């Protein structure tokens, strides 16, 4: 009897334990699955964007950073932050200054502060939170500044992406305009109609920034909007044309990267095939006009990227910076381009 009772009690104890474990397992699985699928709380996260923005403003960071959007996935939440401008130089300078100012007064890095505050406001586990910053959110334009902030290996990590552009400066002084005679484009008094050396002020009067930018834009359209390859229709897009002139040239081929033998294409065409496999190139040209003691100079930054030729539309992330694989080609192209610009004003 004693033996039976002991066995029975043991069996009941085991049954109770199994029952408790079953309900615990079922409950925990339910909570786990709900917490993992963040899309169930998408409305909450969207509302918390406003709270995060209020914190940015209150902390003084809102003058430089603002919330662009949040993307909610089942297992992660991505918070996109943006700058009040989109040119890469301004974004980079603003970010560096913001980091310097913040980290002088705080023990945490700027990236840590942004990340930990996101985790707190969004009520997330650290492994599910991601912050990304770009210099542009225009999907038609390839970004050149990117910061990824996330949690891994028990710490906040930062991944950086920057493009290195080829910079060229074209300086113009009096010697560049020595072929001009008195009265050409300017009413300059001289003796007996002889050639006269223009002063820096006269040079800038002859070539003001507006005229320089207009001439460069016309030059770019004539140079680039020509079809060199099958199913390629290059287009010059004006991104900015005030303080600086920024041009994006899309759908190029064989501009910087000399790829394939043109004769091969002719043979393929004869057999009814096209040559659309040639890399699709994109250039972004940024021109600035700088007055100098000798006249003026034109500063040009060339950003080059290429993508697959098999797709008519190259999506964000589909372009690769030319400096990765074609640094020498881009450098050579920049040197030649510099001389082409110089001839525009002689």
Protein backbone atom coordinates (compact mmCIF):
# COMPACT_ATOMS: atom_id res chain seq x y z
CA UNK A 1 0.00 0.00 0.00
CA UNK A 2 2.74 2.34 0.87
CA UNK A 3 4.54 1.44 -2.30
CA UNK A 4 1.47 2.10 -4.45
CA UNK A 5 0.81 5.47 -2.82
CA UNK A 6 4.37 6.57 -3.37
CA UNK A 7 4.25 5.59 -7.00
CA UNK A 8 0.90 7.32 -7.38
CA UNK A 9 2.15 10.51 -5.75
CA UNK A 10 5.23 10.45 -7.94
CA UNK A 11 3.07 9.99 -11.02
CA UNK A 12 0.81 12.87 -10.02
CA UNK A 13 3.82 15.08 -9.36
CA UNK A 14 5.24 14.22 -12.76
CA UNK A 15 1.89 14.89 -14.40
CA UNK A 16 1.62 18.27 -12.72
CA UNK A 17 5.12 19.16 -13.81
CA UNK A 18 4.37 18.16 -17.39
CA UNK A 19 1.15 20.16 -17.32
CA UNK A 20 2.95 23.25 -16.03
CA UNK A 21 5.69 22.80 -18.61
CA UNK A 22 3.11 22.38 -21.38
CA UNK A 23 1.26 25.59 -20.50
CA UNK A 24 4.52 27.47 -20.00
CA UNK A 25 5.84 26.29 -23.35
CA UNK A 26 2.58 27.15 -25.12
CA UNK A 27 2.36 30.58 -23.49
CA UNK A 28 6.00 31.43 -24.09
CA UNK A 29 5.75 30.34 -27.71
CA UNK A 30 2.73 32.58 -28.16
CA UNK A 31 4.50 35.58 -26.58
CA UNK A 32 7.69 34.84 -28.50
CA UNK A 33 5.93 34.62 -31.85
CA UNK A 34 4.01 37.83 -31.17
CA UNK A 35 7.12 39.73 -30.11
CA UNK A 36 9.06 38.52 -33.13
CA UNK A 37 6.49 39.66 -35.67
CA UNK A 38 6.94 43.41 -35.39
CA UNK A 39 4.46 44.07 -38.17
CA UNK A 40 1.68 43.41 -35.65
CA UNK A 41 2.69 46.66 -33.94
CA UNK A 42 3.36 48.72 -37.06
CA UNK A 43 0.86 51.42 -36.06
CA UNK A 44 2.63 51.82 -32.71
CA UNK A 45 6.04 52.22 -34.35
CA UNK A 46 4.73 54.79 -36.81
CA UNK A 47 3.33 56.83 -33.93
CA UNK A 48 6.62 56.60 -32.05
CA UNK A 49 8.36 58.32 -34.98
CA UNK A 50 6.86 61.56 -33.65
CA UNK A 51 8.20 60.86 -30.15
CA UNK A 52 11.67 60.22 -31.54
CA UNK A 53 11.52 63.46 -33.52
CA UNK A 54 10.48 65.36 -30.38
CA UNK A 55 13.50 63.92 -28.61
CA UNK A 56 15.80 64.97 -31.49
CA UNK A 57 14.42 68.50 -31.31
CA UNK A 58 14.60 68.67 -27.52
CA UNK A 59 18.20 67.42 -27.47
CA UNK A 60 19.35 69.95 -30.07
CA UNK A 61 20.05 67.27 -32.69
CA UNK A 62 16.89 68.14 -34.62
CA UNK A 63 18.55 71.08 -36.35
CA UNK A 64 20.67 68.60 -38.29
CA UNK A 65 18.73 65.32 -38.15
CA UNK A 66 15.08 64.43 -38.66
CA UNK A 67 13.06 61.26 -39.10
CA UNK A 68 12.57 60.31 -42.73
CA UNK A 69 10.66 57.03 -42.27
CA UNK A 70 10.49 53.74 -40.43
CA UNK A 71 10.38 50.41 -42.20
CA UNK A 72 8.76 47.63 -40.19
CA UNK A 73 9.67 44.03 -40.98
CA UNK A 74 8.77 40.88 -39.08
CA UNK A 75 12.09 40.67 -37.26
CA UNK A 76 13.58 44.17 -37.53
CA UNK A 77 12.73 47.85 -37.44
CA UNK A 78 14.75 50.28 -39.57
CA UNK A 79 14.70 53.96 -38.67
CA UNK A 80 15.84 56.29 -41.47
CA UNK A 81 17.23 59.68 -40.48
CA UNK A 82 17.82 62.51 -42.92
CA UNK A 83 19.69 65.81 -43.19
CA UNK A 84 18.21 69.18 -44.25
CA UNK A 85 20.31 69.07 -47.44
CA UNK A 86 21.35 66.38 -49.90
CA UNK A 87 24.73 67.33 -51.34
CA UNK A 88 27.35 64.97 -50.00
CA UNK A 89 29.88 67.59 -48.90
CA UNK A 90 27.33 69.43 -46.76
CA UNK A 91 26.01 66.19 -45.26
CA UNK A 92 29.50 64.93 -44.43
CA UNK A 93 30.56 68.22 -42.85
CA UNK A 94 27.32 68.48 -40.85
CA UNK A 95 27.63 64.91 -39.56
CA UNK A 96 31.27 65.34 -38.55
CA UNK A 97 30.51 68.62 -36.77
CA UNK A 98 27.51 67.12 -34.99
CA UNK A 99 29.60 64.19 -33.77
CA UNK A 100 32.39 66.45 -32.56
CA UNK A 101 30.05 68.79 -30.68
CA UNK A 102 28.04 65.96 -29.11
CA UNK A 103 30.97 63.81 -28.03
CA UNK A 104 32.74 66.75 -26.35
CA UNK A 105 29.92 66.84 -23.79
CA UNK A 106 28.91 63.17 -23.55
CA UNK A 107 30.55 59.86 -22.71
CA UNK A 108 28.53 58.00 -25.36
CA UNK A 109 29.20 58.35 -29.07
CA UNK A 110 26.57 60.09 -31.19
CA UNK A 111 25.75 56.77 -32.85
CA UNK A 112 25.20 55.09 -29.47
CA UNK A 113 22.94 57.89 -28.29
CA UNK A 114 20.79 57.73 -31.44
CA UNK A 115 20.59 53.94 -31.24
CA UNK A 116 19.84 53.55 -27.52
CA UNK A 117 17.16 56.23 -27.67
CA UNK A 118 15.53 54.42 -30.59
CA UNK A 119 15.52 51.15 -28.63
CA UNK A 120 13.94 52.91 -25.65
CA UNK A 121 11.27 54.85 -27.53
CA UNK A 122 10.35 51.99 -29.86
CA UNK A 123 10.43 49.43 -26.99
CA UNK A 124 12.60 47.03 -28.94
CA UNK A 125 15.22 44.46 -28.24
CA UNK A 126 18.57 45.86 -29.32
CA UNK A 127 19.14 43.12 -31.89
CA UNK A 128 15.97 44.17 -33.76
CA UNK A 129 16.81 47.88 -34.11
CA UNK A 130 18.63 49.45 -37.06
CA UNK A 131 19.33 53.09 -37.94
CA UNK A 132 20.39 54.24 -41.38
CA UNK A 133 21.36 57.69 -42.64
CA UNK A 134 21.81 58.70 -46.29
CA UNK A 135 22.73 61.94 -47.99
CA UNK A 136 19.77 61.48 -50.35
CA UNK A 137 16.52 59.52 -50.31
CA UNK A 138 15.80 60.18 -53.98
CA UNK A 139 15.83 56.66 -55.42
CA UNK A 140 16.82 58.08 -58.81
CA UNK A 141 20.10 59.29 -57.32
CA UNK A 142 22.78 57.01 -55.94
CA UNK A 143 23.76 57.86 -52.39
CA UNK A 144 27.33 58.81 -51.55
CA UNK A 145 27.06 59.04 -47.74
CA UNK A 146 25.68 56.18 -45.67
CA UNK A 147 25.81 55.20 -41.99
CA UNK A 148 24.46 51.91 -40.63
CA UNK A 149 24.02 51.72 -36.84
CA UNK A 150 23.09 48.34 -35.32
CA UNK A 151 23.76 46.00 -32.39
CA UNK A 152 25.98 42.96 -32.76
CA UNK A 153 28.47 41.06 -30.61
CA UNK A 154 27.16 42.85 -27.52
CA UNK A 155 27.96 46.35 -28.75
CA UNK A 156 26.75 49.08 -31.08
CA UNK A 157 28.49 48.89 -34.44
CA UNK A 158 28.76 51.45 -37.23
CA UNK A 159 29.32 50.70 -40.90
CA UNK A 160 30.30 53.55 -43.20
CA UNK A 161 29.99 53.97 -46.94
CA UNK A 162 31.43 56.94 -48.81
CA UNK A 163 32.30 57.50 -52.41
CA UNK A 164 35.57 59.08 -53.24
CA UNK A 165 35.15 61.42 -56.15
CA UNK A 166 37.71 62.63 -58.63
CA UNK A 167 38.27 66.34 -58.08
CA UNK A 168 39.62 68.60 -60.77
CA UNK A 169 40.25 72.34 -60.64
CA UNK A 170 40.46 74.43 -63.80
CA UNK A 171 42.00 77.84 -63.15
CA UNK A 172 41.63 80.79 -65.51
CA UNK A 173 43.80 83.88 -65.37
CA UNK A 174 44.80 86.64 -67.76
CA UNK A 175 47.04 84.39 -69.85
CA UNK A 176 44.04 82.25 -70.80
CA UNK A 177 42.38 85.22 -72.48
CA UNK A 178 45.41 86.84 -74.10
CA UNK A 179 43.89 86.18 -77.55
CA UNK A 180 41.02 88.56 -76.89
CA UNK A 181 41.23 91.96 -78.60
CA UNK A 182 39.88 95.17 -77.17
CA UNK A 183 36.13 95.40 -77.51
CA UNK A 184 35.48 91.66 -77.81
CA UNK A 185 32.62 90.89 -75.41
CA UNK A 186 33.83 93.83 -73.27
CA UNK A 187 34.28 97.52 -74.06
CA UNK A 188 37.91 97.72 -73.01
CA UNK A 189 39.86 100.82 -74.01
CA UNK A 190 43.26 100.21 -75.54
CA UNK A 191 45.73 101.96 -77.71
CA UNK A 192 45.46 101.45 -81.49
CA UNK A 193 43.30 98.35 -81.10
CA UNK A 194 46.18 96.34 -79.75
CA UNK A 195 45.61 93.29 -77.59
CA UNK A 196 45.23 94.14 -73.97
CA UNK A 197 45.70 91.92 -70.97
CA UNK A 198 42.41 91.59 -69.13
CA UNK A 199 42.32 92.29 -65.41
CA UNK A 200 40.81 89.74 -62.99
CA UNK A 201 37.70 91.93 -62.62
CA UNK A 202 37.29 92.12 -66.41
CA UNK A 203 37.72 88.36 -66.71
CA UNK A 204 34.96 87.74 -64.17
CA UNK A 205 32.76 90.33 -65.88
CA UNK A 206 33.19 88.50 -69.18
CA UNK A 207 32.59 85.11 -67.59
CA UNK A 208 30.20 85.45 -64.62
CA UNK A 209 29.05 82.31 -62.85
CA UNK A 210 25.66 82.23 -64.59
CA UNK A 211 27.26 82.29 -68.05
CA UNK A 212 29.85 79.68 -67.04
CA UNK A 213 27.20 77.29 -65.73
CA UNK A 214 25.00 77.76 -68.81
CA UNK A 215 27.92 77.04 -71.11
CA UNK A 216 28.89 73.91 -69.16
CA UNK A 217 25.29 72.65 -69.22
CA UNK A 218 25.03 73.07 -73.00
CA UNK A 219 28.40 71.39 -73.41
CA UNK A 220 27.26 68.44 -71.27
CA UNK A 221 24.06 67.95 -73.27
CA UNK A 222 25.94 68.00 -76.57
CA UNK A 223 28.62 65.67 -75.23
CA UNK A 224 26.55 63.06 -73.41
CA UNK A 225 23.09 62.89 -74.97
CA UNK A 226 24.26 60.70 -77.83
CA UNK A 227 23.46 57.02 -78.23
CA UNK A 228 26.65 54.94 -78.33
CA UNK A 229 25.18 51.52 -77.57
CA UNK A 230 22.03 49.54 -78.29
CA UNK A 231 19.02 50.49 -76.19
CA UNK A 232 20.88 53.23 -74.35
CA UNK A 233 19.45 56.73 -74.31
CA UNK A 234 21.72 58.97 -72.21
CA UNK A 235 20.07 61.88 -70.47
CA UNK A 236 21.50 64.87 -68.62
CA UNK A 237 19.49 65.73 -65.51
CA UNK A 238 20.00 69.03 -63.69
CA UNK A 239 20.06 68.35 -59.94
CA UNK A 240 21.03 71.87 -58.91
CA UNK A 241 21.80 75.06 -60.76
CA UNK A 242 22.25 77.97 -58.41
CA UNK A 243 25.19 78.18 -56.04
CA UNK A 244 26.66 75.08 -57.69
CA UNK A 245 25.85 73.20 -60.88
CA UNK A 246 25.15 69.49 -60.32
CA UNK A 247 24.43 67.24 -63.26
CA UNK A 248 23.52 63.56 -63.30
CA UNK A 249 24.12 61.73 -66.58
CA UNK A 250 22.40 58.36 -66.77
CA UNK A 251 22.26 55.44 -69.20
CA UNK A 252 25.79 55.93 -70.50
CA UNK A 253 28.03 53.24 -71.92
CA UNK A 254 31.69 53.19 -72.96
CA UNK A 255 32.11 56.70 -71.55
CA UNK A 256 34.65 55.93 -68.84
CA UNK A 257 34.92 52.15 -69.10
CA UNK A 258 36.13 50.98 -72.49
CA UNK A 259 34.48 47.59 -72.63
CA UNK A 260 34.16 45.09 -75.44
CA UNK A 261 35.08 45.35 -79.07
CA UNK A 262 32.67 47.43 -81.19
CA UNK A 263 33.25 45.01 -84.05
CA UNK A 264 31.85 42.23 -81.88
CA UNK A 265 28.61 44.18 -81.60
CA UNK A 266 28.39 44.55 -85.36
CA UNK A 267 28.76 40.79 -85.76
CA UNK A 268 26.11 40.15 -83.11
CA UNK A 269 23.73 42.58 -84.81
CA UNK A 270 24.23 40.75 -88.09
CA UNK A 271 22.99 37.59 -86.36
CA UNK A 272 20.04 39.45 -84.85
CA UNK A 273 21.44 40.01 -81.34
CA UNK A 274 22.04 43.25 -79.45
CA UNK A 275 24.88 44.47 -77.23
CA UNK A 276 22.89 45.44 -74.17
CA UNK A 277 25.26 43.48 -71.93
CA UNK A 278 27.73 46.39 -71.86
CA UNK A 279 27.96 48.04 -68.43
CA UNK A 280 25.51 50.86 -67.76
CA UNK A 281 27.39 53.94 -66.52
CA UNK A 282 26.26 56.93 -64.50
CA UNK A 283 28.15 60.14 -63.81
CA UNK A 284 27.42 62.93 -61.35
CA UNK A 285 29.28 66.16 -62.06
CA UNK A 286 29.42 68.95 -59.50
CA UNK A 287 30.78 72.33 -60.61
CA UNK A 288 31.54 75.32 -58.41
CA UNK A 289 32.67 78.78 -59.50
CA UNK A 290 35.37 80.37 -57.34
CA UNK A 291 36.67 83.91 -57.71
CA UNK A 292 40.45 84.14 -57.47
CA UNK A 293 43.01 86.95 -57.36
CA UNK A 294 43.90 86.12 -60.97
CA UNK A 295 40.38 85.70 -62.33
CA UNK A 296 38.25 82.67 -61.51
CA UNK A 297 38.49 78.89 -61.29
CA UNK A 298 36.06 76.07 -61.91
CA UNK A 299 36.14 73.21 -59.45
CA UNK A 300 34.69 69.96 -60.76
CA UNK A 301 33.94 66.77 -58.81
CA UNK A 302 33.26 63.64 -60.86
CA UNK A 303 31.43 60.71 -59.28
CA UNK A 304 31.29 57.61 -61.47
CA UNK A 305 29.34 54.40 -61.01
CA UNK A 306 28.39 51.43 -63.16
CA UNK A 307 25.72 48.76 -63.14
CA UNK A 308 24.65 45.76 -65.13
CA UNK A 309 23.67 46.36 -68.72
CA UNK A 310 21.00 43.67 -68.65
CA UNK A 311 18.46 45.84 -66.81
CA UNK A 312 16.85 48.99 -68.18
CA UNK A 313 16.48 50.45 -64.67
CA UNK A 314 19.30 49.99 -62.17
CA UNK A 315 17.83 50.03 -58.67
CA UNK A 316 19.39 51.55 -55.55
CA UNK A 317 22.35 49.43 -54.55
CA UNK A 318 22.69 48.14 -58.11
CA UNK A 319 25.45 50.58 -58.96
CA UNK A 320 29.08 50.05 -57.97
CA UNK A 321 31.42 52.97 -57.47
CA UNK A 322 33.95 53.05 -60.32
CA UNK A 323 36.81 53.59 -57.92
CA UNK A 324 36.37 50.02 -56.73
CA UNK A 325 37.39 48.45 -60.02
CA UNK A 326 38.10 51.27 -62.47
CA UNK A 327 40.04 53.85 -60.50
CA UNK A 328 42.68 54.41 -63.17
CA UNK A 329 40.09 54.76 -65.91
CA UNK A 330 38.13 57.34 -63.92
CA UNK A 331 41.27 59.28 -63.09
CA UNK A 332 42.30 59.35 -66.75
CA UNK A 333 38.79 60.43 -67.73
CA UNK A 334 38.88 63.28 -65.19
CA UNK A 335 42.16 64.58 -66.63
CA UNK A 336 40.76 64.62 -70.16
CA UNK A 337 37.49 66.18 -69.02
CA UNK A 338 39.38 68.99 -67.31
CA UNK A 339 40.97 70.03 -70.60
CA UNK A 340 37.62 69.87 -72.40
CA UNK A 341 36.18 72.32 -69.87
CA UNK A 342 39.16 74.63 -70.28
CA UNK A 343 38.61 74.93 -74.02
CA UNK A 344 35.03 76.15 -73.46
CA UNK A 345 36.28 79.52 -72.24
CA UNK A 346 39.18 80.24 -74.54
